[in-house]
N, C-alpha and C. Protein backbone atom coordinates (compact mmCIF):
# COMPACT_ATOMS: atom_id res chain seq x y z
N MET A 1 -4.76 -8.30 10.63
CA MET A 1 -5.31 -9.44 9.99
C MET A 1 -6.87 -9.82 10.91
N ILE A 2 -7.01 -9.76 12.03
CA ILE A 2 -8.17 -9.94 12.73
C ILE A 2 -9.37 -9.05 12.18
N PHE A 3 -8.99 -7.84 12.09
CA PHE A 3 -9.78 -7.12 11.50
C PHE A 3 -10.15 -7.39 10.04
N SER A 4 -9.53 -7.43 9.27
CA SER A 4 -10.13 -7.82 8.17
C SER A 4 -10.58 -9.24 7.86
N GLU A 5 -10.83 -10.02 8.98
CA GLU A 5 -11.34 -10.91 8.48
C GLU A 5 -13.12 -10.87 9.56
N ALA A 6 -13.12 -10.12 10.55
CA ALA A 6 -14.06 -9.44 11.70
C ALA A 6 -15.06 -8.58 10.22
N ILE A 7 -14.54 -8.09 9.34
CA ILE A 7 -15.45 -6.83 8.55
C ILE A 7 -15.91 -8.01 7.46
N GLU A 8 -15.33 -8.69 7.46
CA GLU A 8 -15.82 -9.98 6.59
C GLU A 8 -17.32 -10.57 7.19
N ILE A 9 -17.32 -10.69 8.02
CA ILE A 9 -18.37 -11.16 9.20
C ILE A 9 -19.66 -10.52 8.81
N GLY A 10 -20.80 -10.94 8.07
CA GLY A 10 -22.07 -9.56 8.21
C GLY A 10 -22.84 -9.70 9.46
N ASP A 11 -23.02 -11.22 10.19
CA ASP A 11 -23.79 -11.21 11.35
C ASP A 11 -23.06 -10.69 12.50
N ALA A 12 -23.70 -9.93 13.10
CA ALA A 12 -23.14 -9.40 14.12
C ALA A 12 -22.83 -10.12 15.24
N SER A 13 -23.67 -11.17 15.68
CA SER A 13 -23.35 -12.36 16.62
C SER A 13 -21.96 -13.14 16.46
N GLN A 14 -21.82 -13.54 15.17
CA GLN A 14 -21.23 -14.48 14.15
C GLN A 14 -19.87 -13.57 14.61
N ARG A 15 -19.81 -12.23 14.20
CA ARG A 15 -18.45 -11.27 14.23
C ARG A 15 -17.78 -11.67 15.60
N ALA A 16 -19.08 -11.32 17.05
CA ALA A 16 -18.59 -11.07 18.53
C ALA A 16 -17.98 -12.65 18.71
N ALA A 17 -18.63 -13.57 18.12
CA ALA A 17 -17.78 -14.69 18.51
C ALA A 17 -16.56 -15.10 18.14
N PHE A 18 -16.35 -14.45 16.61
CA PHE A 18 -15.23 -14.37 16.03
C PHE A 18 -13.98 -13.87 16.70
N LEU A 19 -14.40 -12.24 17.59
CA LEU A 19 -13.71 -11.83 17.80
C LEU A 19 -12.82 -12.27 19.49
N ALA A 20 -14.42 -13.02 19.79
CA ALA A 20 -14.02 -13.74 21.66
C ALA A 20 -12.76 -14.53 21.17
N ARG A 21 -12.89 -15.61 20.05
CA ARG A 21 -12.10 -16.47 19.87
C ARG A 21 -10.61 -16.28 19.52
N ALA A 22 -10.45 -14.75 18.48
CA ALA A 22 -9.37 -14.25 18.10
C ALA A 22 -8.41 -13.30 19.06
N CYS A 23 -9.35 -13.03 20.00
CA CYS A 23 -8.98 -11.90 20.82
C CYS A 23 -8.27 -12.21 21.94
N GLY A 24 -9.04 -13.72 22.46
CA GLY A 24 -8.85 -14.42 23.32
C GLY A 24 -9.01 -13.24 24.71
N ASN A 25 -8.06 -13.36 25.58
CA ASN A 25 -8.42 -12.38 26.79
C ASN A 25 -8.12 -10.86 26.74
N ASP A 26 -7.41 -10.83 25.70
CA ASP A 26 -7.23 -9.77 25.39
C ASP A 26 -8.56 -8.22 25.18
N ALA A 27 -8.91 -7.92 26.45
CA ALA A 27 -9.97 -6.65 26.12
C ALA A 27 -9.95 -5.60 25.48
N GLY A 28 -8.80 -5.30 25.70
CA GLY A 28 -8.26 -3.91 24.79
C GLY A 28 -8.51 -3.89 23.02
N LEU A 29 -7.76 -5.25 22.80
CA LEU A 29 -7.59 -5.40 21.71
C LEU A 29 -9.28 -5.09 20.84
N ARG A 30 -10.04 -6.17 21.57
CA ARG A 30 -11.27 -6.56 21.56
C ARG A 30 -12.02 -5.39 21.08
N LEU A 31 -12.29 -4.86 22.18
CA LEU A 31 -12.90 -3.37 21.99
C LEU A 31 -12.20 -2.14 21.04
N GLU A 32 -11.12 -2.32 20.82
CA GLU A 32 -10.43 -1.87 19.64
C GLU A 32 -10.95 -2.19 18.55
N ILE A 33 -11.16 -3.37 18.42
CA ILE A 33 -11.25 -3.71 16.87
C ILE A 33 -12.72 -3.77 16.78
N GLU A 34 -13.51 -3.96 17.71
CA GLU A 34 -14.99 -3.94 17.49
C GLU A 34 -15.41 -2.47 17.04
N ARG A 35 -14.79 -1.35 17.76
CA ARG A 35 -15.06 0.11 17.54
C ARG A 35 -14.81 0.69 16.32
N PHE A 36 -13.47 -0.11 15.97
CA PHE A 36 -13.29 -0.10 14.35
C PHE A 36 -14.21 -0.54 13.51
N THR A 37 -14.40 -1.63 13.59
CA THR A 37 -15.31 -2.82 12.85
C THR A 37 -16.61 -2.12 12.50
N GLU A 38 -17.19 -1.53 13.76
CA GLU A 38 -18.41 -0.59 14.03
C GLU A 38 -18.62 0.51 12.93
N HIS A 39 -17.37 1.26 13.37
CA HIS A 39 -16.98 2.55 12.11
C HIS A 39 -16.95 2.29 10.98
N GLN A 40 -16.14 1.12 10.89
CA GLN A 40 -16.28 0.72 9.27
C GLN A 40 -17.52 0.26 8.62
N ILE A 41 -18.17 -0.38 9.36
CA ILE A 41 -19.84 -1.04 8.80
C ILE A 41 -20.62 0.34 8.19
N ALA A 42 -20.48 1.14 9.83
CA ALA A 42 -21.53 2.37 9.35
C ALA A 42 -21.22 3.09 8.02
N HIS A 43 -19.69 3.08 7.73
CA HIS A 43 -19.26 3.68 6.89
C HIS A 43 -19.51 3.49 5.44
N LEU A 44 -19.08 2.58 5.48
CA LEU A 44 -20.12 1.17 4.37
C LEU A 44 -21.24 1.26 4.17
N GLN A 45 -22.22 1.44 5.31
CA GLN A 45 -23.59 1.30 4.89
C GLN A 45 -23.85 2.67 4.11
N LEU A 46 -23.87 3.67 4.89
CA LEU A 46 -23.52 5.15 4.27
C LEU A 46 -22.99 5.25 2.56
N LEU A 47 -22.26 4.37 2.47
CA LEU A 47 -21.65 4.51 1.17
C LEU A 47 -22.29 3.89 0.08
N ILE A 48 -22.98 2.73 0.28
CA ILE A 48 -24.01 1.78 -0.37
C ILE A 48 -25.18 2.86 -0.42
N CYS A 49 -25.58 3.79 0.55
CA CYS A 49 -26.95 4.56 0.32
C CYS A 49 -26.50 5.60 -0.54
N GLU A 50 -25.46 6.06 -0.74
CA GLU A 50 -25.39 7.30 -1.47
C GLU A 50 -25.14 6.60 -2.99
N LYS A 51 -24.68 5.63 -2.67
CA LYS A 51 -24.58 4.96 -4.36
C LYS A 51 -25.85 4.45 -4.59
N GLU A 52 -26.38 4.13 -4.07
CA GLU A 52 -28.51 3.69 -4.43
C GLU A 52 -28.98 5.11 -4.96
N ARG A 53 -28.91 6.11 -4.27
CA ARG A 53 -29.09 7.55 -4.35
C ARG A 53 -28.99 7.82 -5.73
N PHE A 54 -27.48 7.94 -5.88
CA PHE A 54 -27.26 8.55 -7.12
C PHE A 54 -27.66 7.55 -8.36
N ALA A 55 -27.86 6.41 -7.93
CA ALA A 55 -28.30 5.42 -9.14
C ALA A 55 -29.65 5.70 -9.10
N SER A 56 -30.46 5.86 -8.25
CA SER A 56 -31.68 6.18 -8.34
C SER A 56 -32.38 7.57 -9.25
N ALA A 57 -31.37 8.44 -8.86
CA ALA A 57 -31.11 9.94 -9.44
C ALA A 57 -31.07 9.90 -11.04
N LEU A 58 -29.65 8.94 -11.22
CA LEU A 58 -29.09 8.69 -12.76
C LEU A 58 -30.55 8.13 -13.13
N LEU A 59 -31.29 6.87 -13.17
CA LEU A 59 -32.07 6.54 -13.50
C LEU A 59 -33.39 7.27 -13.88
N CYS A 60 -33.83 8.56 -12.87
CA CYS A 60 -34.91 9.22 -13.29
C CYS A 60 -34.40 10.07 -13.80
N SER A 61 -32.85 10.65 -14.23
CA SER A 61 -32.66 11.47 -15.13
C SER A 61 -32.58 10.86 -16.40
N ARG A 62 -32.33 9.79 -16.74
CA ARG A 62 -32.13 8.77 -18.08
C ARG A 62 -33.21 9.09 -18.49
N GLU A 63 -34.80 8.64 -17.70
CA GLU A 63 -36.19 8.55 -18.10
C GLU A 63 -36.49 9.67 -18.70
N ARG A 64 -36.51 10.84 -17.97
CA ARG A 64 -36.56 12.02 -18.24
C ARG A 64 -35.92 12.36 -19.81
N ILE A 65 -34.90 12.64 -19.87
CA ILE A 65 -34.45 12.56 -21.04
C ILE A 65 -34.58 12.27 -22.39
N SER A 66 -34.73 10.37 -22.15
CA SER A 66 -35.57 9.93 -23.05
C SER A 66 -37.04 10.32 -23.35
N GLN A 67 -37.93 10.23 -22.32
CA GLN A 67 -39.47 11.03 -22.36
C GLN A 67 -39.34 12.43 -23.30
N HIS A 68 -38.69 13.19 -22.94
CA HIS A 68 -38.32 14.25 -23.88
C HIS A 68 -37.77 14.15 -25.13
N TYR A 69 -36.88 13.42 -25.58
CA TYR A 69 -36.54 13.16 -26.92
C TYR A 69 -36.83 12.23 -27.86
N GLN A 70 -37.22 11.00 -27.12
CA GLN A 70 -38.16 9.79 -27.64
C GLN A 70 -38.95 10.55 -28.75
N PRO A 71 -40.02 11.41 -28.72
CA PRO A 71 -40.81 12.06 -29.56
C PRO A 71 -40.08 12.45 -30.78
N ARG A 72 -39.11 13.29 -30.78
CA ARG A 72 -38.21 13.79 -31.56
C ARG A 72 -37.03 13.08 -32.63
N MET A 73 -37.07 11.58 -31.76
CA MET A 73 -36.15 11.03 -32.52
C MET A 73 -37.05 10.29 -33.59
N LYS A 74 -38.88 9.91 -33.03
CA LYS A 74 -39.57 9.34 -34.20
C LYS A 74 -39.66 10.34 -35.56
N GLN A 75 -40.17 11.14 -34.91
CA GLN A 75 -40.09 12.55 -36.22
C GLN A 75 -39.03 12.39 -37.11
N ALA A 76 -38.00 12.01 -36.57
CA ALA A 76 -36.77 12.77 -37.28
C ALA A 76 -36.36 11.14 -37.94
N LYS A 77 -36.78 10.05 -37.64
CA LYS A 77 -36.79 9.00 -38.69
C LYS A 77 -38.06 8.96 -39.82
N ARG A 78 -39.33 9.26 -39.32
CA ARG A 78 -40.29 9.21 -40.22
C ARG A 78 -39.61 10.49 -41.70
N ARG A 79 -39.18 11.42 -40.99
CA ARG A 79 -38.46 12.26 -42.17
C ARG A 79 -37.42 11.88 -43.12
N ASP A 80 -37.02 10.86 -42.41
CA ASP A 80 -35.71 10.16 -43.42
C ASP A 80 -36.31 9.35 -44.75
């Protein structure tokens, strides 16, 4: 439960303050949650970066396809 709340806090200093309150004097618990949280955040950032890269590549491909077929579609409409 502490982890799930900590991961939702975007600001690192606010997250550290939350963990200090939530873990109290249990330094081992706090360290474990901090490490796991940092790992998960890094993983999520990587996924977001990959998602943005994929979306960008998809958009570029769509534009190239559109540029390639647009003149042909206009010619086909003129014939009708």
